[in-house]
Amino acid sequence: MNEIRTREPNLFEALQKGLLNIESLLKLEDNELRILLQELPREKWARAMRACSDELKQRLLSNLPARARSELEELIVSIGPQPLTEVRRLQSEIALLARTRFQNSKPEA
């Protein structure tokens, strides 16, 4: 986050204000979601998904093969409660990745 603050102050401000959030992934196409799901470790997804809408969880899970979906669902349950600040940090990281990766889709809230 410090690097973003230095290099991209406007983007950092958007993150701070919650303008860039994980729910913005709902605007992405399925193929874009599949790419994102492959780019980050499952544990990050599991932690981030603990505090996202059911709609987004289902959309993300539906873009995984059956076995990967099952494994991620189990991981979400097994990691247990997480500090909300950590969950929000991971969600911002994912939203930022989506924004930089798919700028034409504009996954902003």
N, C-alpha and C. Protein backbone atom coordinates (compact mmCIF):
# COMPACT_ATOMS: atom_id res chain seq x y z
N MET A 1 0.82 -1.19 0.00
CA MET A 1 0.00 0.00 0.00
C MET A 1 0.87 1.26 0.00
N ASN A 2 1.99 1.22 0.67
CA ASN A 2 2.87 2.40 0.68
C ASN A 2 3.40 2.71 -0.71
N GLU A 3 3.68 1.66 -1.46
CA GLU A 3 4.16 1.85 -2.84
C GLU A 3 3.06 2.50 -3.69
N ILE A 4 1.83 2.05 -3.50
CA ILE A 4 0.71 2.64 -4.24
C ILE A 4 0.54 4.10 -3.84
N ARG A 5 0.66 4.38 -2.55
CA ARG A 5 0.53 5.75 -2.06
C ARG A 5 1.54 6.67 -2.74
N THR A 6 2.76 6.18 -2.92
CA THR A 6 3.83 6.98 -3.52
C THR A 6 3.66 7.12 -5.03
N ARG A 7 3.40 6.01 -5.69
CA ARG A 7 3.35 6.02 -7.16
C ARG A 7 2.01 6.47 -7.73
N GLU A 8 0.91 6.15 -7.06
CA GLU A 8 -0.43 6.42 -7.58
C GLU A 8 -1.31 7.03 -6.49
N PRO A 9 -1.08 8.29 -6.13
CA PRO A 9 -1.84 8.89 -5.02
C PRO A 9 -3.35 8.87 -5.22
N ASN A 10 -3.83 9.06 -6.44
CA ASN A 10 -5.28 9.04 -6.69
C ASN A 10 -5.87 7.65 -6.47
N LEU A 11 -5.15 6.64 -6.90
CA LEU A 11 -5.59 5.27 -6.70
C LEU A 11 -5.59 4.93 -5.22
N PHE A 12 -4.56 5.38 -4.51
CA PHE A 12 -4.49 5.15 -3.07
C PHE A 12 -5.68 5.79 -2.37
N GLU A 13 -6.02 6.99 -2.77
CA GLU A 13 -7.15 7.69 -2.17
C GLU A 13 -8.46 6.93 -2.43
N ALA A 14 -8.61 6.40 -3.63
CA ALA A 14 -9.80 5.62 -3.95
C ALA A 14 -9.89 4.37 -3.07
N LEU A 15 -8.75 3.73 -2.85
CA LEU A 15 -8.72 2.55 -1.99
C LEU A 15 -9.11 2.93 -0.56
N GLN A 16 -8.56 4.03 -0.08
CA GLN A 16 -8.84 4.49 1.27
C GLN A 16 -10.32 4.80 1.46
N LYS A 17 -10.95 5.37 0.47
CA LYS A 17 -12.35 5.75 0.56
C LYS A 17 -13.29 4.58 0.28
N GLY A 18 -12.72 3.44 -0.06
CA GLY A 18 -13.55 2.28 -0.34
C GLY A 18 -14.20 2.32 -1.72
N LEU A 19 -13.69 3.21 -2.59
CA LEU A 19 -14.26 3.32 -3.92
C LEU A 19 -13.92 2.12 -4.79
N LEU A 20 -12.84 1.49 -4.45
CA LEU A 20 -12.41 0.28 -5.15
C LEU A 20 -12.65 -0.87 -4.19
N ASN A 21 -13.65 -1.68 -4.41
CA ASN A 21 -13.88 -2.78 -3.49
C ASN A 21 -14.14 -4.07 -4.24
N ILE A 22 -14.11 -5.13 -3.51
CA ILE A 22 -14.21 -6.46 -4.13
C ILE A 22 -15.55 -6.67 -4.83
N GLU A 23 -16.59 -6.02 -4.38
CA GLU A 23 -17.90 -6.18 -5.02
C GLU A 23 -17.89 -5.69 -6.46
N SER A 24 -16.93 -4.85 -6.79
CA SER A 24 -16.82 -4.37 -8.16
C SER A 24 -16.47 -5.50 -9.13
N LEU A 25 -16.04 -6.64 -8.61
CA LEU A 25 -15.74 -7.78 -9.48
C LEU A 25 -16.99 -8.30 -10.17
N LEU A 26 -18.15 -7.99 -9.64
CA LEU A 26 -19.39 -8.41 -10.27
C LEU A 26 -19.54 -7.84 -11.68
N LYS A 27 -18.82 -6.77 -11.98
CA LYS A 27 -18.89 -6.14 -13.30
C LYS A 27 -18.02 -6.84 -14.34
N LEU A 28 -17.17 -7.75 -13.88
CA LEU A 28 -16.26 -8.43 -14.80
C LEU A 28 -16.96 -9.57 -15.53
N GLU A 29 -16.43 -9.90 -16.70
CA GLU A 29 -16.90 -11.06 -17.46
C GLU A 29 -16.39 -12.34 -16.79
N ASP A 30 -17.06 -13.44 -17.05
CA ASP A 30 -16.66 -14.71 -16.45
C ASP A 30 -15.22 -15.09 -16.78
N ASN A 31 -14.80 -14.88 -18.02
CA ASN A 31 -13.43 -15.24 -18.38
C ASN A 31 -12.42 -14.39 -17.60
N GLU A 32 -12.75 -13.14 -17.32
CA GLU A 32 -11.87 -12.29 -16.52
C GLU A 32 -11.80 -12.77 -15.07
N LEU A 33 -12.94 -13.20 -14.55
CA LEU A 33 -12.95 -13.74 -13.18
C LEU A 33 -12.10 -15.00 -13.09
N ARG A 34 -12.19 -15.84 -14.11
CA ARG A 34 -11.37 -17.07 -14.11
C ARG A 34 -9.89 -16.74 -14.10
N ILE A 35 -9.50 -15.73 -14.85
CA ILE A 35 -8.09 -15.30 -14.86
C ILE A 35 -7.67 -14.84 -13.48
N LEU A 36 -8.49 -14.00 -12.85
CA LEU A 36 -8.16 -13.52 -11.50
C LEU A 36 -8.08 -14.66 -10.50
N LEU A 37 -9.00 -15.59 -10.59
CA LEU A 37 -9.00 -16.72 -9.67
C LEU A 37 -7.72 -17.54 -9.78
N GLN A 38 -7.14 -17.57 -10.96
CA GLN A 38 -5.89 -18.32 -11.16
C GLN A 38 -4.67 -17.53 -10.71
N GLU A 39 -4.77 -16.21 -10.69
CA GLU A 39 -3.60 -15.38 -10.42
C GLU A 39 -3.24 -15.26 -8.94
N LEU A 40 -4.18 -15.55 -8.07
CA LEU A 40 -3.91 -15.41 -6.64
C LEU A 40 -4.07 -16.76 -5.94
N PRO A 41 -3.30 -16.96 -4.86
CA PRO A 41 -3.42 -18.22 -4.12
C PRO A 41 -4.83 -18.39 -3.53
N ARG A 42 -5.28 -19.61 -3.44
CA ARG A 42 -6.61 -19.92 -2.93
C ARG A 42 -6.81 -19.36 -1.51
N GLU A 43 -5.76 -19.38 -0.71
CA GLU A 43 -5.90 -18.90 0.67
C GLU A 43 -6.28 -17.41 0.69
N LYS A 44 -5.70 -16.63 -0.21
CA LYS A 44 -6.07 -15.21 -0.29
C LYS A 44 -7.54 -15.06 -0.66
N TRP A 45 -7.97 -15.85 -1.63
CA TRP A 45 -9.38 -15.80 -2.03
C TRP A 45 -10.28 -16.19 -0.86
N ALA A 46 -9.91 -17.25 -0.16
CA ALA A 46 -10.73 -17.73 0.96
C ALA A 46 -10.88 -16.65 2.02
N ARG A 47 -9.79 -15.99 2.37
CA ARG A 47 -9.85 -14.93 3.38
C ARG A 47 -10.68 -13.75 2.88
N ALA A 48 -10.47 -13.36 1.65
CA ALA A 48 -11.19 -12.20 1.09
C ALA A 48 -12.68 -12.49 0.96
N MET A 49 -13.03 -13.72 0.65
CA MET A 49 -14.43 -14.06 0.42
C MET A 49 -15.23 -14.20 1.71
N ARG A 50 -14.57 -14.19 2.85
CA ARG A 50 -15.28 -14.31 4.12
C ARG A 50 -16.20 -13.11 4.36
N ALA A 51 -15.91 -11.98 3.75
CA ALA A 51 -16.72 -10.78 4.01
C ALA A 51 -17.23 -10.16 2.71
N CYS A 52 -17.56 -10.98 1.74
CA CYS A 52 -18.15 -10.42 0.52
C CYS A 52 -19.58 -10.95 0.39
N SER A 53 -20.32 -10.35 -0.49
CA SER A 53 -21.73 -10.72 -0.65
C SER A 53 -21.88 -12.16 -1.13
N ASP A 54 -23.03 -12.74 -0.81
CA ASP A 54 -23.31 -14.10 -1.29
C ASP A 54 -23.33 -14.14 -2.82
N GLU A 55 -23.83 -13.06 -3.42
CA GLU A 55 -23.87 -12.98 -4.88
C GLU A 55 -22.47 -13.09 -5.47
N LEU A 56 -21.52 -12.36 -4.90
CA LEU A 56 -20.15 -12.41 -5.42
C LEU A 56 -19.52 -13.77 -5.14
N LYS A 57 -19.72 -14.31 -3.95
CA LYS A 57 -19.18 -15.64 -3.64
C LYS A 57 -19.65 -16.66 -4.66
N GLN A 58 -20.95 -16.67 -4.93
CA GLN A 58 -21.51 -17.64 -5.88
C GLN A 58 -20.96 -17.42 -7.28
N ARG A 59 -20.83 -16.18 -7.66
CA ARG A 59 -20.30 -15.88 -9.00
C ARG A 59 -18.85 -16.36 -9.12
N LEU A 60 -18.04 -16.10 -8.10
CA LEU A 60 -16.65 -16.55 -8.13
C LEU A 60 -16.58 -18.07 -8.13
N LEU A 61 -17.31 -18.70 -7.23
CA LEU A 61 -17.28 -20.16 -7.13
C LEU A 61 -17.78 -20.82 -8.41
N SER A 62 -18.75 -20.22 -9.06
CA SER A 62 -19.29 -20.80 -10.29
C SER A 62 -18.29 -20.75 -11.45
N ASN A 63 -17.24 -19.98 -11.29
CA ASN A 63 -16.21 -19.88 -12.34
C ASN A 63 -15.01 -20.78 -12.06
N LEU A 64 -15.17 -21.69 -11.13
CA LEU A 64 -14.12 -22.65 -10.82
C LEU A 64 -14.59 -24.05 -11.21
N PRO A 65 -13.65 -24.92 -11.59
CA PRO A 65 -14.00 -26.32 -11.80
C PRO A 65 -14.53 -26.91 -10.48
N ALA A 66 -15.32 -27.96 -10.56
CA ALA A 66 -15.98 -28.54 -9.38
C ALA A 66 -15.01 -28.84 -8.24
N ARG A 67 -13.89 -29.44 -8.54
CA ARG A 67 -12.94 -29.80 -7.48
C ARG A 67 -12.34 -28.56 -6.83
N ALA A 68 -11.94 -27.59 -7.63
CA ALA A 68 -11.37 -26.35 -7.09
C ALA A 68 -12.41 -25.60 -6.27
N ARG A 69 -13.65 -25.61 -6.74
CA ARG A 69 -14.75 -24.96 -6.01
C ARG A 69 -14.91 -25.59 -4.65
N SER A 70 -14.95 -26.91 -4.61
CA SER A 70 -15.10 -27.65 -3.36
C SER A 70 -13.94 -27.34 -2.40
N GLU A 71 -12.73 -27.34 -2.92
CA GLU A 71 -11.55 -27.05 -2.10
C GLU A 71 -11.61 -25.63 -1.53
N LEU A 72 -12.02 -24.68 -2.34
CA LEU A 72 -12.10 -23.29 -1.86
C LEU A 72 -13.20 -23.15 -0.81
N GLU A 73 -14.33 -23.78 -1.01
CA GLU A 73 -15.41 -23.73 -0.02
C GLU A 73 -14.95 -24.31 1.31
N GLU A 74 -14.23 -25.42 1.26
CA GLU A 74 -13.69 -26.03 2.49
C GLU A 74 -12.68 -25.10 3.15
N LEU A 75 -11.85 -24.46 2.36
CA LEU A 75 -10.84 -23.55 2.90
C LEU A 75 -11.49 -22.35 3.57
N ILE A 76 -12.53 -21.81 2.97
CA ILE A 76 -13.24 -20.68 3.56
C ILE A 76 -13.73 -21.03 4.96
N VAL A 77 -14.28 -22.21 5.12
CA VAL A 77 -14.79 -22.65 6.41
C VAL A 77 -13.63 -22.94 7.38
N SER A 78 -12.60 -23.61 6.90
CA SER A 78 -11.53 -24.06 7.78
C SER A 78 -10.64 -22.93 8.31
N ILE A 79 -10.53 -21.82 7.59
CA ILE A 79 -9.66 -20.75 8.09
C ILE A 79 -10.28 -19.98 9.25
N GLY A 80 -11.57 -20.12 9.42
CA GLY A 80 -12.24 -19.49 10.55
C GLY A 80 -12.25 -17.97 10.45
N PRO A 81 -12.67 -17.33 11.54
CA PRO A 81 -12.76 -15.87 11.55
C PRO A 81 -11.40 -15.22 11.31
N GLN A 82 -11.43 -14.11 10.61
CA GLN A 82 -10.22 -13.36 10.28
C GLN A 82 -10.41 -11.91 10.73
N PRO A 83 -9.32 -11.23 11.08
CA PRO A 83 -9.46 -9.80 11.40
C PRO A 83 -10.02 -9.05 10.19
N LEU A 84 -11.03 -8.23 10.43
CA LEU A 84 -11.67 -7.52 9.33
C LEU A 84 -10.69 -6.64 8.58
N THR A 85 -9.72 -6.07 9.27
CA THR A 85 -8.74 -5.22 8.57
C THR A 85 -7.94 -6.03 7.56
N GLU A 86 -7.61 -7.27 7.91
CA GLU A 86 -6.86 -8.13 6.99
C GLU A 86 -7.74 -8.54 5.81
N VAL A 87 -8.99 -8.86 6.08
CA VAL A 87 -9.91 -9.24 5.01
C VAL A 87 -10.08 -8.06 4.05
N ARG A 88 -10.29 -6.87 4.58
CA ARG A 88 -10.47 -5.69 3.73
C ARG A 88 -9.20 -5.38 2.92
N ARG A 89 -8.03 -5.59 3.54
CA ARG A 89 -6.76 -5.38 2.83
C ARG A 89 -6.66 -6.32 1.63
N LEU A 90 -6.98 -7.58 1.85
CA LEU A 90 -6.94 -8.55 0.75
C LEU A 90 -7.97 -8.22 -0.32
N GLN A 91 -9.15 -7.79 0.09
CA GLN A 91 -10.17 -7.41 -0.87
C GLN A 91 -9.71 -6.24 -1.72
N SER A 92 -9.06 -5.26 -1.09
CA SER A 92 -8.53 -4.11 -1.84
C SER A 92 -7.44 -4.55 -2.81
N GLU A 93 -6.61 -5.47 -2.37
CA GLU A 93 -5.54 -6.00 -3.23
C GLU A 93 -6.15 -6.67 -4.47
N ILE A 94 -7.19 -7.44 -4.27
CA ILE A 94 -7.85 -8.12 -5.38
C ILE A 94 -8.52 -7.11 -6.31
N ALA A 95 -9.21 -6.13 -5.73
CA ALA A 95 -9.88 -5.10 -6.54
C ALA A 95 -8.86 -4.31 -7.35
N LEU A 96 -7.72 -4.02 -6.75
CA LEU A 96 -6.66 -3.30 -7.45
C LEU A 96 -6.10 -4.14 -8.59
N LEU A 97 -5.88 -5.42 -8.34
CA LEU A 97 -5.40 -6.31 -9.40
C LEU A 97 -6.40 -6.33 -10.55
N ALA A 98 -7.69 -6.43 -10.22
CA ALA A 98 -8.71 -6.46 -11.26
C ALA A 98 -8.70 -5.16 -12.06
N ARG A 99 -8.56 -4.05 -11.36
CA ARG A 99 -8.57 -2.76 -12.06
C ARG A 99 -7.38 -2.63 -12.99
N THR A 100 -6.21 -2.99 -12.53
CA THR A 100 -5.02 -2.85 -13.37
C THR A 100 -5.01 -3.88 -14.50
N ARG A 101 -5.56 -5.05 -14.24
CA ARG A 101 -5.54 -6.13 -15.25
C ARG A 101 -6.60 -5.91 -16.33
N PHE A 102 -7.76 -5.38 -15.92
CA PHE A 102 -8.89 -5.27 -16.84
C PHE A 102 -9.42 -3.85 -16.87
N GLN A 103 -8.59 -2.91 -17.18
CA GLN A 103 -8.99 -1.49 -17.14
C GLN A 103 -10.17 -1.19 -18.04
N ASN A 104 -10.32 -1.89 -19.13
CA ASN A 104 -11.44 -1.62 -20.02
C ASN A 104 -12.77 -2.00 -19.41
N SER A 105 -12.76 -2.95 -18.44
CA SER A 105 -13.99 -3.36 -17.79
C SER A 105 -14.38 -2.44 -16.65
N LYS A 106 -13.42 -1.61 -16.21
CA LYS A 106 -13.64 -0.63 -15.14
C LYS A 106 -14.35 -1.23 -13.92
N PRO A 107 -13.68 -2.14 -13.17
CA PRO A 107 -14.33 -2.72 -11.99
C PRO A 107 -14.31 -1.77 -10.80
N GLU A 108 -14.89 -0.60 -10.94
CA GLU A 108 -14.96 0.35 -9.85
C GLU A 108 -16.38 0.37 -9.33
N ALA A 109 -16.51 0.64 -8.04
CA ALA A 109 -17.84 0.68 -7.45
C ALA A 109 -18.59 1.92 -7.87
